[in-house]
Amino acid sequence: MAKDFHKEQHLKSSDFITDMVIGMSDGLTVPFALAAGLSGAVQSNGIIITAGIAEIVAGSIAMGLGGYLAGKTEQEHYESELNREYKEVEILPEKEKEEVKEIFEAYGLSLESQNRIADELAQDKDKWVDFMMKYELGLDKPNPNRARNSASTIGVSYIVGGLIPLSAYFFTANPNQGLMVSAVLTLICLFVFGYFKSQVTGQPPLKGAIKVTIIGFLAAGAAFLVAKMLNA
């Protein structure tokens, strides 16, 4: 008789996917919006390319630094709460036991079960603190390389995303042609990116693709109109 194995599919490497989404989405929309805005104000592809490359370099550094600082802040916050929790189980063990019991009370366990679990958990201070970190504070231990990985993933994703709309200006004759090609390339990439991002994260793929595409289109359109008005 064949056995029916149930395989649970859960999203792995969510931090990496989150960072890639942040970098790629901004990389596609911001340089695209800048290039679109400049296309309405200048007559040279060279100016747009120079400005675009400068923006991509500055943007990738800024975004990567933001990711690094966010990762370090998360790690420092965890360490601070961890030290505080160790002090609390050392100085106020009965109060911490009561907090353990309150957690299991919310799940409908009897008072006897609550007392037994709290007493047994208190036998191992490290596991006790780990339990309190997860279920009282809702904090998981961050990857020690989180800040570095976040900075590199966001920065590289931004560069890759930014080069897509800018590439159109390398092989077109003027900004108007460049804008048309850039718009087609970018909107296709935004749609594909939004589709697969939504699929990976368990969201409706088509809805996510349309949403990401609309956001990019509105950002570029706004930049183009502002540049046209200022240059009028």
C-alpha atoms as a PDB file:
ATOM      1  CA  MET A   1       0.000   0.000   0.000  1.00  0.00           C
ATOM      2  CA  ALA A   2       1.502   3.310  -1.032  1.00  0.00           C
ATOM      3  CA  LYS A   3       2.049   5.788   1.720  1.00  0.00           C
ATOM      4  CA  ASP A   4       0.746   9.288   1.298  1.00  0.00           C
ATOM      5  CA  PHE A   5       3.468  11.641   2.472  1.00  0.00           C
ATOM      6  CA  HIS A   6       2.349  15.137   3.283  1.00  0.00           C
ATOM      7  CA  LYS A   7       5.027  17.635   2.390  1.00  0.00           C
ATOM      8  CA  GLU A   8       4.647  21.058   3.902  1.00  0.00           C
ATOM      9  CA  GLN A   9       5.994  23.800   1.693  1.00  0.00           C
ATOM     10  CA  HIS A  10       7.245  26.796   3.595  1.00  0.00           C
ATOM     11  CA  LEU A  11       9.129  29.803   2.353  1.00  0.00           C
ATOM     12  CA  LYS A  12      12.856  29.565   3.064  1.00  0.00           C
ATOM     13  CA  SER A  13      15.427  32.344   3.023  1.00  0.00           C
ATOM     14  CA  SER A  14      12.741  34.967   3.556  1.00  0.00           C
ATOM     15  CA  ASP A  15      15.368  37.557   4.529  1.00  0.00           C
ATOM     16  CA  PHE A  16      17.162  37.108   1.206  1.00  0.00           C
ATOM     17  CA  ILE A  17      13.909  37.374  -0.751  1.00  0.00           C
ATOM     18  CA  THR A  18      12.845  40.459   1.202  1.00  0.00           C
ATOM     19  CA  ASP A  19      16.176  42.188   0.546  1.00  0.00           C
ATOM     20  CA  MET A  20      16.134  41.240  -3.126  1.00  0.00           C
ATOM     21  CA  VAL A  21      12.597  42.612  -3.506  1.00  0.00           C
ATOM     22  CA  ILE A  22      13.583  45.891  -1.832  1.00  0.00           C
ATOM     23  CA  GLY A  23      16.684  46.350  -3.973  1.00  0.00           C
ATOM     24  CA  MET A  24      15.215  45.190  -7.271  1.00  0.00           C
ATOM     25  CA  SER A  25      11.942  47.100  -7.023  1.00  0.00           C
ATOM     26  CA  ASP A  26      13.706  50.364  -6.150  1.00  0.00           C
ATOM     27  CA  GLY A  27      16.389  49.695  -8.747  1.00  0.00           C
ATOM     28  CA  LEU A  28      13.810  49.296 -11.490  1.00  0.00           C
ATOM     29  CA  THR A  29      11.635  52.266 -10.523  1.00  0.00           C
ATOM     30  CA  VAL A  30      13.994  55.018  -9.305  1.00  0.00           C
ATOM     31  CA  PRO A  31      16.537  55.059 -12.194  1.00  0.00           C
ATOM     32  CA  PHE A  32      13.646  54.570 -14.626  1.00  0.00           C
ATOM     33  CA  ALA A  33      11.852  57.567 -13.151  1.00  0.00           C
ATOM     34  CA  LEU A  34      15.066  59.630 -13.264  1.00  0.00           C
ATOM     35  CA  ALA A  35      15.785  58.702 -16.877  1.00  0.00           C
ATOM     36  CA  ALA A  36      12.166  59.408 -17.842  1.00  0.00           C
ATOM     37  CA  GLY A  37      12.308  62.782 -16.150  1.00  0.00           C
ATOM     38  CA  LEU A  38      15.571  63.715 -17.857  1.00  0.00           C
ATOM     39  CA  SER A  39      14.186  62.548 -21.203  1.00  0.00           C
ATOM     40  CA  GLY A  40      11.685  65.338 -20.973  1.00  0.00           C
ATOM     41  CA  ALA A  41      14.326  67.949 -20.198  1.00  0.00           C
ATOM     42  CA  VAL A  42      17.541  67.169 -22.143  1.00  0.00           C
ATOM     43  CA  GLN A  43      18.431  66.258 -25.717  1.00  0.00           C
ATOM     44  CA  SER A  44      21.446  64.037 -25.078  1.00  0.00           C
ATOM     45  CA  ASN A  45      21.506  60.351 -24.187  1.00  0.00           C
ATOM     46  CA  GLY A  46      24.981  60.886 -22.766  1.00  0.00           C
ATOM     47  CA  ILE A  47      23.673  63.156 -20.030  1.00  0.00           C
ATOM     48  CA  ILE A  48      20.994  60.627 -19.100  1.00  0.00           C
ATOM     49  CA  ILE A  49      23.507  57.771 -19.030  1.00  0.00           C
ATOM     50  CA  THR A  50      25.942  59.743 -16.857  1.00  0.00           C
ATOM     51  CA  ALA A  51      23.232  60.843 -14.456  1.00  0.00           C
ATOM     52  CA  GLY A  52      21.734  57.354 -14.415  1.00  0.00           C
ATOM     53  CA  ILE A  53      25.027  55.637 -13.591  1.00  0.00           C
ATOM     54  CA  ALA A  54      25.720  58.181 -10.853  1.00  0.00           C
ATOM     55  CA  GLU A  55      22.259  57.565  -9.395  1.00  0.00           C
ATOM     56  CA  ILE A  56      22.668  53.779  -9.527  1.00  0.00           C
ATOM     57  CA  VAL A  57      26.037  53.963  -7.753  1.00  0.00           C
ATOM     58  CA  ALA A  58      24.745  56.359  -5.096  1.00  0.00           C
ATOM     59  CA  GLY A  59      21.435  54.532  -4.752  1.00  0.00           C
ATOM     60  CA  SER A  60      23.004  51.087  -4.362  1.00  0.00           C
ATOM     61  CA  ILE A  61      25.384  52.390  -1.677  1.00  0.00           C
ATOM     62  CA  ALA A  62      22.595  54.179   0.174  1.00  0.00           C
ATOM     63  CA  MET A  63      20.224  51.223  -0.047  1.00  0.00           C
ATOM     64  CA  GLY A  64      22.947  48.769   0.942  1.00  0.00           C
ATOM     65  CA  LEU A  65      23.941  50.933   3.899  1.00  0.00           C
ATOM     66  CA  GLY A  66      20.307  51.128   4.948  1.00  0.00           C
ATOM     67  CA  GLY A  67      20.060  47.349   4.837  1.00  0.00           C
ATOM     68  CA  TYR A  68      23.272  47.000   6.845  1.00  0.00           C
ATOM     69  CA  LEU A  69      22.120  49.408   9.536  1.00  0.00           C
ATOM     70  CA  ALA A  70      18.721  47.709   9.719  1.00  0.00           C
ATOM     71  CA  GLY A  71      20.417  44.333  10.161  1.00  0.00           C
ATOM     72  CA  LYS A  72      22.748  45.667  12.858  1.00  0.00           C
ATOM     73  CA  THR A  73      19.855  47.333  14.664  1.00  0.00           C
ATOM     74  CA  GLU A  74      17.908  44.072  14.641  1.00  0.00           C
ATOM     75  CA  GLN A  75      20.900  42.178  16.052  1.00  0.00           C
ATOM     76  CA  GLU A  76      21.625  44.803  18.713  1.00  0.00           C
ATOM     77  CA  HIS A  77      17.967  44.882  19.759  1.00  0.00           C
ATOM     78  CA  TYR A  78      17.937  41.089  20.101  1.00  0.00           C
ATOM     79  CA  GLU A  79      21.122  41.079  22.178  1.00  0.00           C
ATOM     80  CA  SER A  80      19.769  43.820  24.442  1.00  0.00           C
ATOM     81  CA  GLU A  81      16.517  41.949  25.067  1.00  0.00           C
ATOM     82  CA  LEU A  82      18.411  38.680  25.541  1.00  0.00           C
ATOM     83  CA  ASN A  83      20.599  40.177  28.275  1.00  0.00           C
ATOM     84  CA  ARG A  84      17.536  41.686  29.946  1.00  0.00           C
ATOM     85  CA  GLU A  85      15.718  38.345  29.849  1.00  0.00           C
ATOM     86  CA  TYR A  86      18.683  36.520  31.428  1.00  0.00           C
ATOM     87  CA  LYS A  87      18.684  39.068  34.249  1.00  0.00           C
ATOM     88  CA  GLU A  88      14.938  38.675  34.777  1.00  0.00           C
ATOM     89  CA  VAL A  89      15.009  34.874  35.055  1.00  0.00           C
ATOM     90  CA  GLU A  90      17.910  35.231  37.489  1.00  0.00           C
ATOM     91  CA  ILE A  91      16.417  37.979  39.664  1.00  0.00           C
ATOM     92  CA  LEU A  92      12.667  37.406  39.213  1.00  0.00           C
ATOM     93  CA  PRO A  93      12.245  33.690  38.452  1.00  0.00           C
ATOM     94  CA  GLU A  94       8.733  33.413  39.901  1.00  0.00           C
ATOM     95  CA  LYS A  95       7.500  36.343  37.857  1.00  0.00           C
ATOM     96  CA  GLU A  96       8.980  34.798  34.722  1.00  0.00           C
ATOM     97  CA  LYS A  97       7.294  31.490  35.539  1.00  0.00           C
ATOM     98  CA  GLU A  98       3.992  33.317  35.792  1.00  0.00           C
ATOM     99  CA  GLU A  99       4.594  34.743  32.327  1.00  0.00           C
ATOM    100  CA  VAL A 100       5.251  31.228  31.000  1.00  0.00           C
ATOM    101  CA  LYS A 101       1.977  30.049  32.533  1.00  0.00           C
ATOM    102  CA  GLU A 102       0.107  32.979  31.021  1.00  0.00           C
ATOM    103  CA  ILE A 103       1.341  31.974  27.576  1.00  0.00           C
ATOM    104  CA  PHE A 104       0.042  28.416  27.971  1.00  0.00           C
ATOM    105  CA  GLU A 105      -3.138  29.603  29.646  1.00  0.00           C
ATOM    106  CA  ALA A 106      -3.950  31.416  26.408  1.00  0.00           C
ATOM    107  CA  TYR A 107      -3.745  28.029  24.649  1.00  0.00           C
ATOM    108  CA  GLY A 108      -6.272  26.519  27.072  1.00  0.00           C
ATOM    109  CA  LEU A 109      -3.918  24.328  29.118  1.00  0.00           C
ATOM    110  CA  SER A 110      -4.948  23.465  32.645  1.00  0.00           C
ATOM    111  CA  LEU A 111      -3.323  25.109  35.664  1.00  0.00           C
ATOM    112  CA  GLU A 112      -1.635  21.810  36.526  1.00  0.00           C
ATOM    113  CA  SER A 113      -0.104  21.582  33.061  1.00  0.00           C
ATOM    114  CA  GLN A 114       0.961  25.218  33.213  1.00  0.00           C
ATOM    115  CA  ASN A 115       2.771  24.687  36.530  1.00  0.00           C
ATOM    116  CA  ARG A 116       4.481  21.501  35.344  1.00  0.00           C
ATOM    117  CA  ILE A 117       5.691  23.089  32.086  1.00  0.00           C
ATOM    118  CA  ALA A 118       6.923  26.242  33.848  1.00  0.00           C
ATOM    119  CA  ASP A 119       8.829  24.220  36.487  1.00  0.00           C
ATOM    120  CA  GLU A 120      10.436  21.915  33.922  1.00  0.00           C
ATOM    121  CA  LEU A 121      11.327  24.763  31.605  1.00  0.00           C
ATOM    122  CA  ALA A 122      13.004  26.609  34.481  1.00  0.00           C
ATOM    123  CA  GLN A 123      15.475  23.726  34.900  1.00  0.00           C
ATOM    124  CA  ASP A 124      17.422  24.889  31.833  1.00  0.00           C
ATOM    125  CA  LYS A 125      18.077  28.620  31.919  1.00  0.00           C
ATOM    126  CA  ASP A 126      19.190  28.861  28.270  1.00  0.00           C
ATOM    127  CA  LYS A 127      16.095  27.105  26.940  1.00  0.00           C
ATOM    128  CA  TRP A 128      13.922  29.090  29.329  1.00  0.00           C
ATOM    129  CA  VAL A 129      15.306  32.383  28.041  1.00  0.00           C
ATOM    130  CA  ASP A 130      15.041  31.186  24.447  1.00  0.00           C
ATOM    131  CA  PHE A 131      11.374  30.320  25.045  1.00  0.00           C
ATOM    132  CA  MET A 132      10.665  33.738  26.532  1.00  0.00           C
ATOM    133  CA  MET A 133      12.414  35.488  23.660  1.00  0.00           C
ATOM    134  CA  LYS A 134      10.279  33.665  21.094  1.00  0.00           C
ATOM    135  CA  TYR A 135       6.902  33.470  22.763  1.00  0.00           C
ATOM    136  CA  GLU A 136       6.838  36.447  25.110  1.00  0.00           C
ATOM    137  CA  LEU A 137       8.735  38.967  22.978  1.00  0.00           C
ATOM    138  CA  GLY A 138       8.228  37.405  19.551  1.00  0.00           C
ATOM    139  CA  LEU A 139      11.946  37.610  18.722  1.00  0.00           C
ATOM    140  CA  ASP A 140      13.946  34.984  16.821  1.00  0.00           C
ATOM    141  CA  LYS A 141      17.707  34.944  16.979  1.00  0.00           C
ATOM    142  CA  PRO A 142      18.963  36.854  13.917  1.00  0.00           C
ATOM    143  CA  ASN A 143      21.632  35.508  11.600  1.00  0.00           C
ATOM    144  CA  PRO A 144      24.963  37.020  12.745  1.00  0.00           C
ATOM    145  CA  ASN A 145      25.734  37.741   9.072  1.00  0.00           C
ATOM    146  CA  ARG A 146      22.338  39.352   8.496  1.00  0.00           C
ATOM    147  CA  ALA A 147      23.642  42.928   8.210  1.00  0.00           C
ATOM    148  CA  ARG A 148      26.397  42.050   5.732  1.00  0.00           C
ATOM    149  CA  ASN A 149      24.168  39.783   3.654  1.00  0.00           C
ATOM    150  CA  SER A 150      21.382  42.354   3.592  1.00  0.00           C
ATOM    151  CA  ALA A 151      23.711  45.122   2.432  1.00  0.00           C
ATOM    152  CA  SER A 152      25.179  43.060  -0.412  1.00  0.00           C
ATOM    153  CA  THR A 153      21.841  41.621  -1.572  1.00  0.00           C
ATOM    154  CA  ILE A 154      20.055  44.986  -1.614  1.00  0.00           C
ATOM    155  CA  GLY A 155      23.005  46.778  -3.229  1.00  0.00           C
ATOM    156  CA  VAL A 156      23.531  44.219  -6.008  1.00  0.00           C
ATOM    157  CA  SER A 157      19.779  43.911  -6.661  1.00  0.00           C
ATOM    158  CA  TYR A 158      19.543  47.689  -6.980  1.00  0.00           C
ATOM    159  CA  ILE A 159      22.378  47.764  -9.522  1.00  0.00           C
ATOM    160  CA  VAL A 160      20.853  44.954 -11.597  1.00  0.00           C
ATOM    161  CA  GLY A 161      17.430  46.578 -11.515  1.00  0.00           C
ATOM    162  CA  GLY A 162      18.799  50.040 -12.313  1.00  0.00           C
ATOM    163  CA  LEU A 163      20.805  48.957 -15.350  1.00  0.00           C
ATOM    164  CA  ILE A 164      17.709  47.590 -17.092  1.00  0.00           C
ATOM    165  CA  PRO A 165      15.944  50.921 -17.790  1.00  0.00           C
ATOM    166  CA  LEU A 166      19.243  52.731 -18.347  1.00  0.00           C
ATOM    167  CA  SER A 167      20.481  50.209 -20.929  1.00  0.00           C
ATOM    168  CA  ALA A 168      17.993  51.498 -23.506  1.00  0.00           C
ATOM    169  CA  TYR A 169      19.858  54.807 -23.766  1.00  0.00           C
ATOM    170  CA  PHE A 170      23.087  53.059 -24.811  1.00  0.00           C
ATOM    171  CA  PHE A 171      21.740  51.909 -28.170  1.00  0.00           C
ATOM    172  CA  THR A 172      19.167  54.564 -29.139  1.00  0.00           C
ATOM    173  CA  ALA A 173      19.728  57.813 -31.009  1.00  0.00           C
ATOM    174  CA  ASN A 174      17.978  60.281 -28.726  1.00  0.00           C
ATOM    175  CA  PRO A 175      16.191  60.527 -25.347  1.00  0.00           C
ATOM    176  CA  ASN A 176      12.706  60.110 -26.840  1.00  0.00           C
ATOM    177  CA  GLN A 177      13.654  56.816 -28.473  1.00  0.00           C
ATOM    178  CA  GLY A 178      15.508  55.806 -25.344  1.00  0.00           C
ATOM    179  CA  LEU A 179      12.477  56.537 -23.199  1.00  0.00           C
ATOM    180  CA  MET A 180      10.177  54.409 -25.344  1.00  0.00           C
ATOM    181  CA  VAL A 181      12.553  51.427 -25.305  1.00  0.00           C
ATOM    182  CA  SER A 182      13.303  51.932 -21.617  1.00  0.00           C
ATOM    183  CA  ALA A 183       9.602  52.046 -20.793  1.00  0.00           C
ATOM    184  CA  VAL A 184       8.910  48.791 -22.627  1.00  0.00           C
ATOM    185  CA  LEU A 185      11.899  47.019 -21.047  1.00  0.00           C
ATOM    186  CA  THR A 186      11.145  48.296 -17.563  1.00  0.00           C
ATOM    187  CA  LEU A 187       7.433  47.590 -17.598  1.00  0.00           C
ATOM    188  CA  ILE A 188       8.061  44.042 -18.858  1.00  0.00           C
ATOM    189  CA  CYS A 189      10.658  43.505 -16.133  1.00  0.00           C
ATOM    190  CA  LEU A 190       8.384  45.038 -13.480  1.00  0.00           C
ATOM    191  CA  PHE A 191       5.570  42.708 -14.537  1.00  0.00           C
ATOM    192  CA  VAL A 192       7.789  39.606 -14.573  1.00  0.00           C
ATOM    193  CA  PHE A 193       9.467  40.603 -11.300  1.00  0.00           C
ATOM    194  CA  GLY A 194       6.134  41.307  -9.623  1.00  0.00           C
ATOM    195  CA  TYR A 195       4.726  37.995 -10.872  1.00  0.00           C
ATOM    196  CA  PHE A 196       7.548  35.816  -9.569  1.00  0.00           C
ATOM    197  CA  LYS A 197       7.912  37.820  -6.356  1.00  0.00           C
ATOM    198  CA  SER A 198       4.248  37.279  -5.586  1.00  0.00           C
ATOM    199  CA  GLN A 199       4.447  33.616  -6.555  1.00  0.00           C
ATOM    200  CA  VAL A 200       7.418  32.986  -4.272  1.00  0.00           C
ATOM    201  CA  THR A 201       5.817  34.815  -1.344  1.00  0.00           C
ATOM    202  CA  GLY A 202       2.500  33.006  -1.745  1.00  0.00           C
ATOM    203  CA  GLN A 203       0.507  35.988  -3.055  1.00  0.00           C
ATOM    204  CA  PRO A 204      -1.735  36.039  -6.168  1.00  0.00           C
ATOM    205  CA  PRO A 205       0.914  36.321  -8.925  1.00  0.00           C
ATOM    206  CA  LEU A 206      -1.109  38.244 -11.501  1.00  0.00           C
ATOM    207  CA  LYS A 207      -2.392  40.759  -8.956  1.00  0.00           C
ATOM    208  CA  GLY A 208       1.120  41.304  -7.609  1.00  0.00           C
ATOM    209  CA  ALA A 209       2.553  41.730 -11.106  1.00  0.00           C
ATOM    210  CA  ILE A 210      -0.037  44.347 -12.032  1.00  0.00           C
ATOM    211  CA  LYS A 211       0.465  46.229  -8.765  1.00  0.00           C
ATOM    212  CA  VAL A 212       4.261  46.427  -9.147  1.00  0.00           C
ATOM    213  CA  THR A 213       3.918  47.483 -12.797  1.00  0.00           C
ATOM    214  CA  ILE A 214       1.455  50.261 -11.985  1.00  0.00           C
ATOM    215  CA  ILE A 215       3.693  51.642  -9.224  1.00  0.00           C
ATOM    216  CA  GLY A 216       6.672  51.804 -11.593  1.00  0.00           C
ATOM    217  CA  PHE A 217       4.585  53.396 -14.343  1.00  0.00           C
ATOM    218  CA  LEU A 218       3.200  56.073 -12.006  1.00  0.00           C
ATOM    219  CA  ALA A 219       6.670  56.907 -10.632  1.00  0.00           C
ATOM    220  CA  ALA A 220       8.144  57.349 -14.097  1.00  0.00           C
ATOM    221  CA  GLY A 221       5.134  59.262 -15.372  1.00  0.00           C
ATOM    222  CA  ALA A 222       5.261  61.699 -12.450  1.00  0.00           C
ATOM    223  CA  ALA A 223       8.988  62.337 -12.957  1.00  0.00           C
ATOM    224  CA  PHE A 224       8.511  62.884 -16.702  1.00  0.00           C
ATOM    225  CA  LEU A 225       5.656  65.369 -16.209  1.00  0.00           C
ATOM    226  CA  VAL A 226       7.558  67.331 -13.544  1.00  0.00           C
ATOM    227  CA  ALA A 227      10.592  67.609 -15.812  1.00  0.00           C
ATOM    228  CA  LYS A 228       8.391  68.752 -18.720  1.00  0.00           C
ATOM    229  CA  MET A 229       6.722  71.428 -16.564  1.00  0.00           C
ATOM    230  CA  LEU A 230      10.026  72.744 -15.218  1.00  0.00           C
ATOM    231  CA  ASN A 231      11.501  72.843 -18.715  1.00  0.00           C
ATOM    232  CA  ALA A 232       8.469  74.576 -20.241  1.00  0.00           C
END
